[in-house]
Each structure stands twice: as structure tokens, then as C-alpha cells.
């Protein structure tokens, strides 16, 4: 529902927010509200977060349509409910434990792998990508007539989380069923299956990221975010021709990191 405000809370007849109301819409205030809700599980809408996770696979456009509704009702594009982040963290833990089991890692090695996946693969890389996309979109993609608008950093991070979730499920869950018996074998079918899963996962990341920024009406030329598809397909074909096995390389890297 739209928040109700008294007429006296507005400034003198020009419709601008009063200093008190404006303070509630600052990035710091939104961030404080988001972090505070991390410790109140009963206030999180896990059912809705599960709905978003489902539709990120079947119809990601519907997920970003909801971001439009949030902007209209709560005056922000980014999520104000950390339920999605909490569920994603659970997925990270479960899938990483599964990865450790498949790679025959010990308890402490699996814990090290979990810390690496959470703080480096998801959060660290996510912070880097979100900041880079936030800068690029605000610097080069905002329409000239909409210079008063900007992409929220929180929204850029949400876009990364949205795109990261399908990638996580494909590479850290679905792939687990094929690693030992198919993918890491020294056969053509092994690196074909493994590299194809990588192609689908990263392709999905690029596509969901594109949808996230194209959903913002004040951005232009967002189709350029699809250009990495050409490089991805080229790298995929080269890997098949040279016999590179990306999954085998990832497994070797993980085992090296947890030693």
C-alpha cells in the first residue's frame, strides 16, 4: 500500500518532500531498513521470495515487473525485503555441501569451500559487478532527458543476485549429478556436457542481467548488455575444439583453494 502523508508534511505547495520525509528515502535509510529486517525473520515474505526464484527460471520478466510495482508503491527499485538473500544463502550452503561431497572433501575442507563460495564467488564478485554496472549504467545508459533519475546501487546488486541464482542452480546443483560419471571423464562427451552447462548458466546470467536494466524506463541502449553473448559462444566453440573442460578446471581450483 502507498504510505499516507499529511498535507503539512509536504513543503509549501510544490509537492516536494519535507526534510523528514526526504530523509526516509535516502540510500542510507533504505539500507538501514533492509539490514534491520535481516534479524526479523517473521517480517520476511519467504513465500514471495520462492515465487521469484521459480519465475527467474520460467519467466524472469515477471520478476522485474514486480520491481516496477515496488517503485510505484514504495518509491524504490531495490528490494526492501531480505528474504530472497536469505533463501539464496541457504541454496549456497546446501549446494556447496553437495559439491564438497561429490569432490570427496573432508568437513573442514567443505567449510573452507563454503566460505569461499559465499564471500568470494557470490558476495565479493557481486559487489564488484554491481558497482561496475551501477557506474556504467548511470554514466552512459541514462537517457539525456532523464538525468534526474539514477540506478540505485541496491537495485544493481539485486540484478546480480537475480542472475546469480539460476547460474548457481545449474553449476552447483544440476551439474553435481554428472560430474563424477560424465563431466570429469577424459572423453568428448564429458567436456561437451560440462561446457554446455557453463554456456547455459553464464548465458542465463547475461540474459537476466539484461532484463534487469532494460526494465528501467530511463535507460537507453541496454541491448549492448547482450553483446557478451557473442564472446561467450566463441569461447564455447573454442573450448570444444581444444578439449578444455571448464568443470574439471573449476574442481581442480576448488581443491587447490581448500588445501
Protein backbone atom coordinates (compact mmCIF):
# COMPACT_ATOMS: atom_id res chain seq x y z
CA UNK A 1 0.00 0.00 0.00
CA UNK A 2 1.05 3.59 -0.60
CA UNK A 3 2.29 5.33 2.54
CA UNK A 4 -0.04 8.06 3.76
CA UNK A 5 1.35 11.52 4.42
CA UNK A 6 -0.27 14.59 5.87
CA UNK A 7 -0.50 17.66 3.72
CA UNK A 8 1.60 19.53 6.25
CA UNK A 9 4.46 17.09 5.66
CA UNK A 10 4.92 18.50 2.17
CA UNK A 11 6.80 21.69 1.55
CA UNK A 12 4.93 24.83 0.63
CA UNK A 13 2.66 23.80 -2.23
CA UNK A 14 5.30 22.50 -4.63
CA UNK A 15 4.77 18.78 -3.89
CA UNK A 16 8.38 18.24 -2.74
CA UNK A 17 9.06 16.04 0.23
CA UNK A 18 9.75 17.67 3.57
CA UNK A 19 13.24 17.15 5.03
CA UNK A 20 11.86 14.45 7.37
CA UNK A 21 10.21 12.51 4.54
CA UNK A 22 13.18 13.01 2.23
CA UNK A 23 15.48 11.50 4.86
CA UNK A 24 13.41 8.32 4.77
CA UNK A 25 14.13 7.97 1.04
CA UNK A 26 17.91 8.30 1.21
CA UNK A 27 20.13 5.36 0.31
CA UNK A 28 21.36 5.16 3.89
CA UNK A 29 17.84 4.96 5.30
CA UNK A 30 16.84 2.26 2.84
CA UNK A 31 20.00 0.28 3.58
CA UNK A 32 19.41 0.55 7.35
CA UNK A 33 15.82 -0.67 6.97
CA UNK A 34 16.96 -3.60 4.79
CA UNK A 35 19.74 -4.69 7.17
CA UNK A 36 17.47 -4.33 10.20
CA UNK A 37 14.95 -6.73 8.66
CA UNK A 38 17.69 -9.37 8.33
CA UNK A 39 17.21 -10.08 12.05
CA UNK A 40 13.41 -10.28 11.91
CA UNK A 41 12.54 -13.49 10.07
CA UNK A 42 8.84 -13.14 10.81
CA UNK A 43 8.76 -9.91 8.80
CA UNK A 44 10.21 -11.57 5.69
CA UNK A 45 8.00 -12.82 2.89
CA UNK A 46 9.66 -16.14 2.08
CA UNK A 47 6.71 -17.32 0.02
CA UNK A 48 7.07 -14.38 -2.32
CA UNK A 49 10.87 -14.90 -2.50
CA UNK A 50 10.29 -18.53 -3.51
CA UNK A 51 7.88 -17.29 -6.18
CA UNK A 52 10.62 -15.05 -7.55
CA UNK A 53 13.13 -17.90 -7.59
CA UNK A 54 10.70 -20.05 -9.56
CA UNK A 55 9.95 -17.35 -12.11
CA UNK A 56 13.63 -16.49 -12.59
CA UNK A 57 13.74 -19.81 -14.44
CA UNK A 58 10.35 -19.82 -16.15
CA UNK A 59 9.53 -16.13 -16.74
CA UNK A 60 12.13 -13.66 -15.39
CA UNK A 61 10.23 -10.75 -16.96
CA UNK A 62 7.52 -11.24 -14.34
CA UNK A 63 10.08 -10.81 -11.57
CA UNK A 64 11.15 -7.43 -12.90
CA UNK A 65 7.53 -6.43 -13.39
CA UNK A 66 7.24 -6.70 -9.63
CA UNK A 67 10.17 -4.28 -9.28
CA UNK A 68 8.01 -1.78 -11.18
CA UNK A 69 5.22 -2.25 -8.65
CA UNK A 70 7.66 -1.69 -5.79
CA UNK A 71 8.81 1.57 -7.36
CA UNK A 72 5.21 2.74 -7.64
CA UNK A 73 4.25 1.79 -4.09
CA UNK A 74 7.45 2.19 -2.08
CA UNK A 75 9.42 4.63 -4.23
CA UNK A 76 12.44 2.37 -4.68
CA UNK A 77 13.55 -0.16 -7.28
CA UNK A 78 15.67 -2.30 -4.97
CA UNK A 79 14.24 -4.97 -2.70
CA UNK A 80 13.29 -3.88 0.80
CA UNK A 81 12.82 -7.48 1.98
CA UNK A 82 15.97 -9.62 2.52
CA UNK A 83 14.02 -12.91 2.21
CA UNK A 84 15.47 -13.57 -1.27
CA UNK A 85 19.02 -13.07 0.02
CA UNK A 86 18.37 -15.41 2.96
CA UNK A 87 16.99 -18.16 0.70
CA UNK A 88 19.88 -17.69 -1.73
CA UNK A 89 22.28 -18.14 1.19
CA UNK A 90 20.54 -21.40 2.09
CA UNK A 91 20.90 -22.55 -1.53
CA UNK A 92 24.59 -21.65 -1.42
CA UNK A 93 25.14 -23.69 1.72
CA UNK A 94 23.23 -26.75 0.50
CA UNK A 95 24.77 -26.78 -2.97
CA UNK A 96 28.29 -26.21 -1.63
CA UNK A 97 27.94 -29.10 0.81
CA UNK A 98 26.80 -31.20 -2.13
CA UNK A 99 29.81 -30.04 -4.12
CA UNK A 100 32.13 -30.97 -1.27
CA UNK A 101 30.54 -34.41 -1.03
CA UNK A 102 30.88 -35.05 -4.78
CA UNK A 103 34.53 -33.94 -4.73
CA UNK A 104 35.18 -36.15 -1.68
CA UNK A 105 36.22 -33.27 0.57
CA UNK A 106 36.50 -33.51 4.32
CA UNK A 107 34.47 -31.50 6.83
CA UNK A 108 36.92 -28.62 7.22
CA UNK A 109 37.65 -28.54 3.51
CA UNK A 110 33.92 -28.22 2.82
CA UNK A 111 33.67 -25.35 5.33
CA UNK A 112 36.54 -23.58 3.58
CA UNK A 113 34.83 -24.13 0.24
CA UNK A 114 31.57 -22.75 1.65
CA UNK A 115 33.30 -19.60 2.91
CA UNK A 116 34.99 -19.14 -0.48
CA UNK A 117 31.75 -19.57 -2.44
CA UNK A 118 29.75 -17.24 -0.17
CA UNK A 119 32.22 -14.42 0.38
CA UNK A 120 34.17 -14.53 -2.89
CA UNK A 121 32.03 -16.11 -5.62
CA UNK A 122 28.72 -14.57 -4.55
CA UNK A 123 29.27 -11.51 -2.36
CA UNK A 124 32.73 -10.38 -3.48
CA UNK A 125 32.17 -10.82 -7.20
CA UNK A 126 28.63 -9.49 -6.75
CA UNK A 127 29.84 -6.28 -5.12
CA UNK A 128 32.35 -5.79 -7.92
CA UNK A 129 29.86 -6.46 -10.74
CA UNK A 130 27.07 -4.44 -9.11
CA UNK A 131 29.36 -1.44 -8.59
CA UNK A 132 30.68 -1.67 -12.14
CA UNK A 133 27.18 -1.95 -13.65
CA UNK A 134 25.89 0.83 -11.37
CA UNK A 135 28.66 3.15 -12.61
CA UNK A 136 28.31 2.22 -16.30
CA UNK A 137 24.51 2.47 -16.34
CA UNK A 138 24.45 5.85 -14.57
CA UNK A 139 27.35 7.21 -16.62
CA UNK A 140 26.45 6.02 -20.11
CA UNK A 141 22.96 4.49 -20.26
CA UNK A 142 20.71 7.11 -18.65
CA UNK A 143 18.68 8.99 -21.26
CA UNK A 144 19.64 12.63 -21.65
CA UNK A 145 16.15 13.85 -20.75
CA UNK A 146 16.13 11.69 -17.61
CA UNK A 147 19.34 12.89 -15.97
CA UNK A 148 17.42 13.46 -12.73
CA UNK A 149 17.00 9.67 -12.43
CA UNK A 150 19.69 7.22 -11.45
CA UNK A 151 20.14 3.49 -10.98
CA UNK A 152 20.15 2.57 -7.31
CA UNK A 153 23.20 0.59 -6.23
CA UNK A 154 20.91 -1.72 -4.29
CA UNK A 155 18.99 -2.45 -7.47
CA UNK A 156 22.23 -3.24 -9.32
CA UNK A 157 23.08 -5.73 -6.57
CA UNK A 158 19.57 -7.21 -6.77
CA UNK A 159 20.04 -7.72 -10.50
CA UNK A 160 23.26 -9.60 -9.78
CA UNK A 161 21.51 -11.82 -7.21
CA UNK A 162 18.67 -12.50 -9.65
CA UNK A 163 21.14 -13.52 -12.36
CA UNK A 164 23.39 -15.43 -9.98
CA UNK A 165 20.62 -17.71 -8.67
CA UNK A 166 19.98 -19.63 -11.95
CA UNK A 167 23.74 -19.85 -12.51
CA UNK A 168 24.15 -21.30 -9.02
CA UNK A 169 21.43 -23.91 -9.53
CA UNK A 170 22.84 -25.01 -12.89
CA UNK A 171 26.52 -25.17 -11.95
CA UNK A 172 26.31 -26.08 -8.25
CA UNK A 173 23.27 -28.35 -8.25
CA UNK A 174 22.26 -29.79 -11.63
CA UNK A 175 25.89 -30.29 -12.63
CA UNK A 176 26.59 -32.33 -9.49
CA UNK A 177 24.66 -35.30 -10.89
CA UNK A 178 27.00 -35.51 -13.89
CA UNK A 179 30.43 -34.59 -12.52
CA UNK A 180 31.87 -37.93 -11.40
CA UNK A 181 30.32 -40.15 -14.04
CA UNK A 182 30.30 -37.94 -17.13
CA UNK A 183 31.87 -34.49 -16.97
CA UNK A 184 35.31 -35.05 -15.48
CA UNK A 185 35.99 -38.08 -17.64
CA UNK A 186 38.57 -37.66 -20.40
CA UNK A 187 36.00 -38.08 -23.15
CA UNK A 188 34.45 -35.75 -25.69
CA UNK A 189 31.02 -36.20 -24.15
CA UNK A 190 32.46 -35.17 -20.77
CA UNK A 191 33.65 -31.70 -21.68
CA UNK A 192 30.74 -31.26 -24.11
CA UNK A 193 28.17 -31.75 -21.32
CA UNK A 194 30.14 -29.72 -18.80
CA UNK A 195 30.90 -26.81 -21.11
CA UNK A 196 27.32 -26.76 -22.38
CA UNK A 197 26.07 -26.36 -18.81
CA UNK A 198 28.51 -23.47 -18.40
CA UNK A 199 27.21 -21.93 -21.63
CA UNK A 200 23.62 -22.15 -20.40
CA UNK A 201 24.44 -20.84 -16.92
CA UNK A 202 26.50 -17.83 -18.00
CA UNK A 203 24.11 -17.15 -20.88
CA UNK A 204 21.26 -17.07 -18.39
CA UNK A 205 23.26 -14.68 -16.19
CA UNK A 206 23.76 -12.31 -19.12
CA UNK A 207 20.11 -12.51 -20.16
CA UNK A 208 18.66 -11.92 -16.67
CA UNK A 209 21.08 -9.02 -16.19
CA UNK A 210 19.91 -7.51 -19.48
CA UNK A 211 16.28 -7.85 -18.39
CA UNK A 212 17.07 -6.09 -15.13
CA UNK A 213 18.45 -2.98 -16.75
CA UNK A 214 16.08 -2.93 -19.71
CA UNK A 215 13.22 -2.86 -17.18
CA UNK A 216 14.28 0.65 -16.11
CA UNK A 217 12.39 3.11 -18.34
CA UNK A 218 15.01 5.87 -18.04
CA UNK A 219 17.86 3.78 -19.52
CA UNK A 220 18.79 3.57 -23.21
CA UNK A 221 20.77 1.18 -25.40
CA UNK A 222 20.51 -1.66 -22.86
CA UNK A 223 20.79 -4.14 -25.76
CA UNK A 224 24.57 -3.70 -25.53
CA UNK A 225 24.40 -5.83 -22.38
CA UNK A 226 23.66 -8.78 -24.67
CA UNK A 227 26.89 -8.32 -26.65
CA UNK A 228 28.89 -10.64 -24.35
CA UNK A 229 26.80 -13.48 -25.81
CA UNK A 230 28.98 -13.37 -28.93
CA UNK A 231 32.19 -13.73 -26.88
CA UNK A 232 30.59 -16.48 -24.78
CA UNK A 233 29.60 -18.56 -27.81
CA UNK A 234 33.01 -18.04 -29.40
CA UNK A 235 34.75 -19.18 -26.21
CA UNK A 236 32.41 -22.19 -26.01
CA UNK A 237 33.27 -23.30 -29.56
CA UNK A 238 36.99 -22.82 -28.95
CA UNK A 239 36.77 -24.89 -25.76
CA UNK A 240 35.13 -27.75 -27.62
CA UNK A 241 37.73 -27.58 -30.37
CA UNK A 242 40.63 -27.54 -27.89
CA UNK A 243 39.15 -30.03 -25.42
CA UNK A 244 39.05 -27.64 -22.48
CA UNK A 245 36.92 -28.88 -19.62
CA UNK A 246 35.73 -25.89 -17.59
CA UNK A 247 34.17 -28.02 -14.86
CA UNK A 248 37.32 -30.05 -14.39
CA UNK A 249 39.30 -26.81 -14.13
CA UNK A 250 36.81 -25.48 -11.54
CA UNK A 251 37.05 -28.67 -9.46
CA UNK A 252 40.86 -28.51 -9.52
CA UNK A 253 40.73 -24.85 -8.50
CA UNK A 254 38.36 -25.53 -5.60
CA UNK A 255 40.52 -28.40 -4.35
CA UNK A 256 43.58 -26.14 -4.51
CA UNK A 257 41.81 -23.36 -2.58
CA UNK A 258 40.77 -25.57 0.34
CA UNK A 259 44.16 -27.21 0.92
